[in-house]
Amino acid sequence: MMTRWCRIVLLMCCAIVAMNAGAQMKRIVACQSTSHSTPRYMEVYECDYVDEQPQFPGGEVEMIKYINSMRRYPAEAYYQNIQGRVLCSFVVNADGSLSHISVIRGVEPSLNREAVRLISSMPRWIAGKVANQAVPVHYILPIVFRR
């Protein structure tokens, strides 16, 4: 008798886990834009939950080359030996444009501004896809400043 109840409970638990796993595949987050006077929100997919992740044109190697060639170390921060990693978030829209750029964890105001400027100047990305359809995707990117 106990074995039958254990099986029923186990099957119910497996069904619940399977339903939650399917729901997590379509997890959506809200991103706030601070570039406008009033906050604007949009629903986007998290990077880990899309079929094809958004990609910088040419791939990760080209993105690193782009960052290294376009990054301008703020002079005052450079001479004060301020360095670190600025963690930024942004949305790669369905058309490949970038929006909702913000600093998640900053180092120093001038380095934070430079990281935002660098991401803002990036070319259009290849959009992320779900079921072969381009969708907006939330992306997190560290910009490193080292002397």
N, C-alpha and C. Protein backbone atom coordinates (compact mmCIF):
# COMPACT_ATOMS: atom_id res chain seq x y z
N MET A 1 0.83 -1.18 0.00
CA MET A 1 0.00 0.00 0.00
C MET A 1 0.88 1.25 0.00
N MET A 2 1.89 1.30 0.85
CA MET A 2 2.80 2.45 0.94
C MET A 2 3.56 2.64 -0.37
N THR A 3 3.91 1.57 -1.02
CA THR A 3 4.64 1.66 -2.26
C THR A 3 3.80 2.32 -3.35
N ARG A 4 2.53 2.01 -3.38
CA ARG A 4 1.65 2.61 -4.38
C ARG A 4 1.55 4.12 -4.18
N TRP A 5 1.41 4.57 -2.93
CA TRP A 5 1.35 6.00 -2.63
C TRP A 5 2.67 6.69 -2.96
N CYS A 6 3.76 6.03 -2.69
CA CYS A 6 5.07 6.59 -3.04
C CYS A 6 5.19 6.79 -4.55
N ARG A 7 4.71 5.83 -5.31
CA ARG A 7 4.76 5.95 -6.77
C ARG A 7 3.89 7.12 -7.25
N ILE A 8 2.71 7.25 -6.69
CA ILE A 8 1.81 8.34 -7.08
C ILE A 8 2.44 9.69 -6.77
N VAL A 9 2.99 9.82 -5.57
CA VAL A 9 3.63 11.08 -5.18
C VAL A 9 4.83 11.36 -6.07
N LEU A 10 5.62 10.34 -6.36
CA LEU A 10 6.78 10.51 -7.22
C LEU A 10 6.37 10.95 -8.63
N LEU A 11 5.32 10.35 -9.18
CA LEU A 11 4.84 10.74 -10.50
C LEU A 11 4.33 12.18 -10.49
N MET A 12 3.64 12.57 -9.43
CA MET A 12 3.15 13.94 -9.34
C MET A 12 4.32 14.92 -9.27
N CYS A 13 5.34 14.60 -8.50
CA CYS A 13 6.52 15.46 -8.40
C CYS A 13 7.22 15.59 -9.75
N CYS A 14 7.34 14.49 -10.46
CA CYS A 14 7.97 14.53 -11.78
C CYS A 14 7.16 15.39 -12.74
N ALA A 15 5.84 15.30 -12.68
CA ALA A 15 5.00 16.11 -13.55
C ALA A 15 5.16 17.59 -13.25
N ILE A 16 5.22 17.93 -11.96
CA ILE A 16 5.39 19.34 -11.58
C ILE A 16 6.74 19.86 -12.04
N VAL A 17 7.80 19.08 -11.86
CA VAL A 17 9.13 19.48 -12.30
C VAL A 17 9.16 19.67 -13.81
N ALA A 18 8.53 18.77 -14.55
CA ALA A 18 8.50 18.87 -16.02
C ALA A 18 7.76 20.12 -16.46
N MET A 19 6.65 20.43 -15.79
CA MET A 19 5.90 21.64 -16.16
C MET A 19 6.72 22.89 -15.87
N ASN A 20 7.42 22.93 -14.74
CA ASN A 20 8.25 24.09 -14.40
C ASN A 20 9.43 24.23 -15.35
N ALA A 21 10.00 23.13 -15.78
CA ALA A 21 11.14 23.19 -16.71
C ALA A 21 10.70 23.81 -18.02
N GLY A 22 9.52 23.46 -18.51
CA GLY A 22 9.01 24.05 -19.74
C GLY A 22 8.75 25.53 -19.58
N ALA A 23 8.26 25.93 -18.41
CA ALA A 23 7.97 27.35 -18.17
C ALA A 23 9.25 28.17 -18.12
N GLN A 24 10.31 27.59 -17.59
CA GLN A 24 11.56 28.33 -17.48
C GLN A 24 12.19 28.58 -18.84
N MET A 25 11.89 27.77 -19.83
CA MET A 25 12.45 27.97 -21.15
C MET A 25 11.96 29.30 -21.74
N LYS A 26 10.81 29.77 -21.31
CA LYS A 26 10.24 31.01 -21.84
C LYS A 26 10.25 32.11 -20.79
N ARG A 27 11.20 32.07 -19.93
CA ARG A 27 11.30 33.05 -18.85
C ARG A 27 11.53 34.44 -19.43
N ILE A 28 10.80 35.39 -18.91
CA ILE A 28 10.88 36.76 -19.42
C ILE A 28 11.23 37.69 -18.27
N VAL A 29 12.06 38.67 -18.54
CA VAL A 29 12.45 39.65 -17.53
C VAL A 29 12.09 41.05 -18.01
N ALA A 30 12.04 41.99 -17.08
CA ALA A 30 11.76 43.39 -17.44
C ALA A 30 13.03 44.19 -17.31
N CYS A 31 13.29 45.07 -18.26
CA CYS A 31 14.47 45.93 -18.23
C CYS A 31 14.02 47.37 -18.18
N GLN A 32 14.62 48.14 -17.31
CA GLN A 32 14.26 49.54 -17.17
C GLN A 32 15.22 50.40 -17.97
N SER A 33 14.67 51.31 -18.71
CA SER A 33 15.50 52.26 -19.45
C SER A 33 15.62 53.54 -18.63
N THR A 34 16.84 53.95 -18.35
CA THR A 34 17.05 55.17 -17.58
C THR A 34 17.39 56.36 -18.48
N SER A 35 17.34 56.16 -19.78
CA SER A 35 17.67 57.24 -20.70
C SER A 35 16.51 58.21 -20.89
N HIS A 36 15.33 57.87 -20.43
CA HIS A 36 14.17 58.73 -20.55
C HIS A 36 13.80 59.27 -19.17
N SER A 37 13.02 60.33 -19.13
CA SER A 37 12.64 60.93 -17.85
C SER A 37 11.75 59.99 -17.05
N THR A 38 10.89 59.24 -17.73
CA THR A 38 10.07 58.25 -17.03
C THR A 38 10.57 56.87 -17.40
N PRO A 39 10.64 55.97 -16.42
CA PRO A 39 11.15 54.62 -16.72
C PRO A 39 10.25 53.91 -17.72
N ARG A 40 10.87 53.23 -18.67
CA ARG A 40 10.15 52.41 -19.64
C ARG A 40 10.58 50.97 -19.47
N TYR A 41 9.65 50.08 -19.48
CA TYR A 41 9.93 48.67 -19.31
C TYR A 41 9.55 47.92 -20.57
N MET A 42 10.27 46.84 -20.83
CA MET A 42 9.90 45.96 -21.93
C MET A 42 10.20 44.53 -21.52
N GLU A 43 9.43 43.62 -22.05
CA GLU A 43 9.65 42.21 -21.73
C GLU A 43 10.65 41.64 -22.73
N VAL A 44 11.65 40.97 -22.18
CA VAL A 44 12.70 40.39 -23.01
C VAL A 44 13.04 39.00 -22.50
N TYR A 45 13.63 38.20 -23.35
CA TYR A 45 14.08 36.88 -22.94
C TYR A 45 15.45 37.00 -22.28
N GLU A 46 15.71 36.13 -21.32
CA GLU A 46 17.05 36.06 -20.77
C GLU A 46 17.92 35.31 -21.76
N CYS A 47 19.20 35.63 -21.77
CA CYS A 47 20.13 35.08 -22.76
C CYS A 47 20.18 33.55 -22.73
N ASP A 48 20.06 32.97 -21.55
CA ASP A 48 20.18 31.51 -21.44
C ASP A 48 18.94 30.75 -21.92
N TYR A 49 17.83 31.46 -22.15
CA TYR A 49 16.58 30.78 -22.47
C TYR A 49 16.12 30.99 -23.90
N VAL A 50 17.02 31.29 -24.80
CA VAL A 50 16.67 31.41 -26.21
C VAL A 50 17.33 30.27 -26.98
N ASP A 51 16.76 29.96 -28.12
CA ASP A 51 17.32 28.88 -28.95
C ASP A 51 18.67 29.28 -29.54
N GLU A 52 18.75 30.52 -30.04
CA GLU A 52 20.01 31.05 -30.57
C GLU A 52 20.31 32.35 -29.85
N GLN A 53 21.47 32.42 -29.20
CA GLN A 53 21.84 33.62 -28.46
C GLN A 53 22.22 34.75 -29.41
N PRO A 54 22.00 36.00 -28.97
CA PRO A 54 22.44 37.12 -29.81
C PRO A 54 23.95 37.10 -29.94
N GLN A 55 24.44 37.64 -31.04
CA GLN A 55 25.87 37.56 -31.31
C GLN A 55 26.36 38.85 -31.96
N PHE A 56 27.53 39.30 -31.50
CA PHE A 56 28.20 40.43 -32.13
C PHE A 56 28.59 40.00 -33.54
N PRO A 57 28.52 40.89 -34.54
CA PRO A 57 28.90 40.51 -35.90
C PRO A 57 30.34 39.98 -35.94
N GLY A 58 30.50 38.77 -36.37
CA GLY A 58 31.82 38.16 -36.44
C GLY A 58 32.15 37.29 -35.24
N GLY A 59 31.31 37.32 -34.22
CA GLY A 59 31.50 36.46 -33.06
C GLY A 59 32.21 37.14 -31.90
N GLU A 60 32.53 36.34 -30.90
CA GLU A 60 33.13 36.84 -29.67
C GLU A 60 34.52 37.43 -29.88
N VAL A 61 35.31 36.81 -30.74
CA VAL A 61 36.66 37.31 -31.00
C VAL A 61 36.60 38.72 -31.59
N GLU A 62 35.70 38.93 -32.53
CA GLU A 62 35.54 40.26 -33.14
C GLU A 62 35.03 41.27 -32.12
N MET A 63 34.18 40.82 -31.19
CA MET A 63 33.69 41.72 -30.15
C MET A 63 34.84 42.18 -29.24
N ILE A 64 35.71 41.27 -28.88
CA ILE A 64 36.85 41.62 -28.03
C ILE A 64 37.77 42.58 -28.78
N LYS A 65 38.00 42.32 -30.07
CA LYS A 65 38.82 43.25 -30.88
C LYS A 65 38.18 44.63 -30.91
N TYR A 66 36.87 44.67 -31.09
CA TYR A 66 36.15 45.94 -31.14
C TYR A 66 36.29 46.69 -29.82
N ILE A 67 36.06 46.00 -28.72
CA ILE A 67 36.16 46.63 -27.39
C ILE A 67 37.56 47.17 -27.17
N ASN A 68 38.58 46.37 -27.48
CA ASN A 68 39.96 46.80 -27.26
C ASN A 68 40.36 47.97 -28.15
N SER A 69 39.80 48.03 -29.35
CA SER A 69 40.19 49.13 -30.25
C SER A 69 39.39 50.41 -29.98
N MET A 70 38.18 50.30 -29.49
CA MET A 70 37.32 51.47 -29.30
C MET A 70 37.31 52.01 -27.87
N ARG A 71 37.77 51.22 -26.92
CA ARG A 71 37.75 51.64 -25.51
C ARG A 71 38.75 52.77 -25.29
N ARG A 72 38.28 53.85 -24.66
CA ARG A 72 39.15 54.97 -24.30
C ARG A 72 39.22 55.05 -22.79
N TYR A 73 40.40 54.80 -22.25
CA TYR A 73 40.57 54.83 -20.79
C TYR A 73 40.52 56.30 -20.36
N PRO A 74 39.59 56.69 -19.49
CA PRO A 74 39.54 58.08 -19.03
C PRO A 74 40.87 58.47 -18.38
N ALA A 75 41.42 59.62 -18.80
CA ALA A 75 42.77 60.04 -18.37
C ALA A 75 42.90 60.14 -16.85
N GLU A 76 41.95 60.78 -16.21
CA GLU A 76 42.07 60.96 -14.76
C GLU A 76 42.07 59.61 -14.04
N ALA A 77 41.19 58.71 -14.45
CA ALA A 77 41.15 57.37 -13.84
C ALA A 77 42.45 56.62 -14.11
N TYR A 78 43.01 56.80 -15.31
CA TYR A 78 44.26 56.13 -15.67
C TYR A 78 45.39 56.60 -14.75
N TYR A 79 45.51 57.93 -14.59
CA TYR A 79 46.61 58.46 -13.79
C TYR A 79 46.42 58.21 -12.29
N GLN A 80 45.19 57.99 -11.87
CA GLN A 80 44.94 57.66 -10.46
C GLN A 80 44.97 56.15 -10.22
N ASN A 81 45.35 55.40 -11.27
CA ASN A 81 45.47 53.95 -11.20
C ASN A 81 44.15 53.27 -10.80
N ILE A 82 43.04 53.83 -11.28
CA ILE A 82 41.74 53.21 -11.03
C ILE A 82 41.49 52.21 -12.15
N GLN A 83 41.22 51.00 -11.77
CA GLN A 83 40.96 49.95 -12.75
C GLN A 83 39.92 48.99 -12.21
N GLY A 84 39.39 48.18 -13.08
CA GLY A 84 38.39 47.20 -12.66
C GLY A 84 37.49 46.80 -13.81
N ARG A 85 36.40 46.13 -13.46
CA ARG A 85 35.48 45.59 -14.45
C ARG A 85 34.11 46.23 -14.24
N VAL A 86 33.61 46.88 -15.28
CA VAL A 86 32.27 47.48 -15.24
C VAL A 86 31.31 46.46 -15.85
N LEU A 87 30.36 46.02 -15.05
CA LEU A 87 29.40 45.02 -15.51
C LEU A 87 28.17 45.75 -16.04
N CYS A 88 27.91 45.58 -17.34
CA CYS A 88 26.81 46.29 -18.01
C CYS A 88 25.75 45.31 -18.48
N SER A 89 24.53 45.82 -18.56
CA SER A 89 23.44 45.03 -19.15
C SER A 89 22.81 45.86 -20.25
N PHE A 90 22.27 45.17 -21.24
CA PHE A 90 21.57 45.84 -22.33
C PHE A 90 20.65 44.84 -23.00
N VAL A 91 19.83 45.34 -23.89
CA VAL A 91 18.90 44.49 -24.64
C VAL A 91 19.32 44.49 -26.10
N VAL A 92 19.46 43.30 -26.66
CA VAL A 92 19.66 43.16 -28.10
C VAL A 92 18.26 42.97 -28.68
N ASN A 93 17.76 44.00 -29.35
CA ASN A 93 16.39 43.98 -29.89
C ASN A 93 16.28 43.01 -31.06
N ALA A 94 15.06 42.75 -31.48
CA ALA A 94 14.81 41.81 -32.57
C ALA A 94 15.45 42.25 -33.88
N ASP A 95 15.68 43.57 -34.04
CA ASP A 95 16.34 44.06 -35.25
C ASP A 95 17.86 44.15 -35.09
N GLY A 96 18.39 43.74 -33.95
CA GLY A 96 19.84 43.74 -33.71
C GLY A 96 20.35 45.01 -33.05
N SER A 97 19.50 46.03 -32.92
CA SER A 97 19.94 47.26 -32.25
C SER A 97 20.04 47.02 -30.75
N LEU A 98 20.81 47.87 -30.08
CA LEU A 98 21.01 47.76 -28.63
C LEU A 98 20.24 48.87 -27.93
N SER A 99 19.60 48.53 -26.82
CA SER A 99 18.87 49.52 -26.04
C SER A 99 18.94 49.15 -24.56
N HIS A 100 18.36 49.99 -23.72
CA HIS A 100 18.28 49.76 -22.28
C HIS A 100 19.67 49.46 -21.69
N ILE A 101 20.66 50.23 -22.11
CA ILE A 101 22.04 50.04 -21.64
C ILE A 101 22.16 50.63 -20.24
N SER A 102 22.67 49.83 -19.31
CA SER A 102 22.84 50.31 -17.95
C SER A 102 24.01 49.60 -17.28
N VAL A 103 24.50 50.20 -16.21
CA VAL A 103 25.59 49.63 -15.43
C VAL A 103 24.99 48.87 -14.26
N ILE A 104 25.32 47.59 -14.17
CA ILE A 104 24.86 46.76 -13.05
C ILE A 104 25.78 46.96 -11.85
N ARG A 105 27.07 46.86 -12.12
CA ARG A 105 28.08 47.05 -11.07
C ARG A 105 29.20 47.88 -11.66
N GLY A 106 29.35 49.07 -11.12
CA GLY A 106 30.34 49.98 -11.65
C GLY A 106 31.63 50.00 -10.84
N VAL A 107 32.59 50.75 -11.36
CA VAL A 107 33.89 50.90 -10.70
C VAL A 107 34.05 52.34 -10.23
N GLU A 108 33.92 53.26 -11.18
CA GLU A 108 34.11 54.69 -10.93
C GLU A 108 33.32 55.41 -12.02
N PRO A 109 32.73 56.58 -11.73
CA PRO A 109 31.83 57.21 -12.71
C PRO A 109 32.40 57.37 -14.12
N SER A 110 33.65 57.77 -14.26
CA SER A 110 34.20 57.97 -15.61
C SER A 110 34.36 56.63 -16.35
N LEU A 111 34.74 55.59 -15.63
CA LEU A 111 34.84 54.26 -16.27
C LEU A 111 33.44 53.74 -16.62
N ASN A 112 32.48 53.98 -15.76
CA ASN A 112 31.10 53.56 -16.04
C ASN A 112 30.57 54.24 -17.30
N ARG A 113 30.79 55.55 -17.41
CA ARG A 113 30.34 56.29 -18.59
C ARG A 113 31.00 55.77 -19.86
N GLU A 114 32.29 55.47 -19.77
CA GLU A 114 33.00 54.96 -20.94
C GLU A 114 32.46 53.59 -21.36
N ALA A 115 32.15 52.74 -20.41
CA ALA A 115 31.59 51.42 -20.74
C ALA A 115 30.23 51.58 -21.45
N VAL A 116 29.39 52.49 -20.96
CA VAL A 116 28.09 52.74 -21.59
C VAL A 116 28.29 53.32 -22.99
N ARG A 117 29.23 54.26 -23.14
CA ARG A 117 29.52 54.85 -24.45
C ARG A 117 29.98 53.78 -25.43
N LEU A 118 30.85 52.89 -24.97
CA LEU A 118 31.39 51.83 -25.81
C LEU A 118 30.28 50.91 -26.32
N ILE A 119 29.40 50.50 -25.43
CA ILE A 119 28.30 49.61 -25.84
C ILE A 119 27.34 50.36 -26.76
N SER A 120 27.09 51.63 -26.46
CA SER A 120 26.19 52.43 -27.31
C SER A 120 26.70 52.58 -28.73
N SER A 121 28.02 52.55 -28.89
CA SER A 121 28.61 52.75 -30.22
C SER A 121 28.76 51.45 -31.01
N MET A 122 28.40 50.31 -30.41
CA MET A 122 28.55 49.02 -31.11
C MET A 122 27.62 48.95 -32.32
N PRO A 123 28.05 48.23 -33.36
CA PRO A 123 27.17 48.02 -34.52
C PRO A 123 26.02 47.08 -34.15
N ARG A 124 25.05 46.98 -35.04
CA ARG A 124 23.93 46.07 -34.80
C ARG A 124 24.44 44.64 -34.62
N TRP A 125 23.83 43.94 -33.70
CA TRP A 125 24.16 42.55 -33.45
C TRP A 125 23.28 41.65 -34.29
N ILE A 126 23.60 40.37 -34.30
CA ILE A 126 22.72 39.35 -34.87
C ILE A 126 21.77 38.98 -33.75
N ALA A 127 20.48 39.15 -33.98
CA ALA A 127 19.48 38.97 -32.93
C ALA A 127 19.38 37.53 -32.45
N GLY A 128 18.95 37.38 -31.19
CA GLY A 128 18.67 36.07 -30.64
C GLY A 128 17.36 35.55 -31.21
N LYS A 129 17.19 34.24 -31.19
CA LYS A 129 15.99 33.65 -31.79
C LYS A 129 15.35 32.62 -30.88
N VAL A 130 14.03 32.57 -30.93
CA VAL A 130 13.23 31.54 -30.29
C VAL A 130 12.31 31.00 -31.37
N ALA A 131 12.34 29.70 -31.58
CA ALA A 131 11.53 29.06 -32.62
C ALA A 131 11.75 29.74 -33.97
N ASN A 132 13.00 30.04 -34.27
CA ASN A 132 13.42 30.64 -35.54
C ASN A 132 12.87 32.05 -35.78
N GLN A 133 12.44 32.71 -34.70
CA GLN A 133 11.94 34.08 -34.81
C GLN A 133 12.80 34.99 -33.93
N ALA A 134 13.23 36.12 -34.48
CA ALA A 134 14.06 37.06 -33.73
C ALA A 134 13.27 37.66 -32.57
N VAL A 135 13.89 37.69 -31.40
CA VAL A 135 13.25 38.21 -30.19
C VAL A 135 14.23 39.12 -29.45
N PRO A 136 13.73 40.05 -28.62
CA PRO A 136 14.63 40.86 -27.80
C PRO A 136 15.21 40.02 -26.66
N VAL A 137 16.52 40.17 -26.43
CA VAL A 137 17.21 39.35 -25.43
C VAL A 137 18.03 40.25 -24.50
N HIS A 138 17.92 39.99 -23.22
CA HIS A 138 18.71 40.69 -22.19
C HIS A 138 20.11 40.09 -22.18
N TYR A 139 21.13 40.94 -22.22
CA TYR A 139 22.51 40.48 -22.33
C TYR A 139 23.35 41.20 -21.27
N ILE A 140 24.30 40.51 -20.67
CA ILE A 140 25.20 41.09 -19.68
C ILE A 140 26.62 40.95 -20.19
N LEU A 141 27.37 42.07 -20.14
CA LEU A 141 28.72 42.11 -20.70
C LEU A 141 29.64 42.89 -19.77
N PRO A 142 30.77 42.28 -19.36
CA PRO A 142 31.76 43.04 -18.58
C PRO A 142 32.71 43.80 -19.50
N ILE A 143 32.99 45.05 -19.13
CA ILE A 143 33.99 45.85 -19.84
C ILE A 143 35.14 46.07 -18.85
N VAL A 144 36.32 45.56 -19.22
CA VAL A 144 37.46 45.57 -18.30
C VAL A 144 38.37 46.76 -18.59
N PHE A 145 38.78 47.42 -17.52
CA PHE A 145 39.74 48.54 -17.60
C PHE A 145 40.95 48.14 -16.75
N ARG A 146 42.09 47.94 -17.41
CA ARG A 146 43.35 47.61 -16.72
C ARG A 146 44.45 48.47 -17.28
N ARG A 147 45.34 48.88 -16.43
CA ARG A 147 46.49 49.68 -16.87
C ARG A 147 47.56 48.82 -17.45
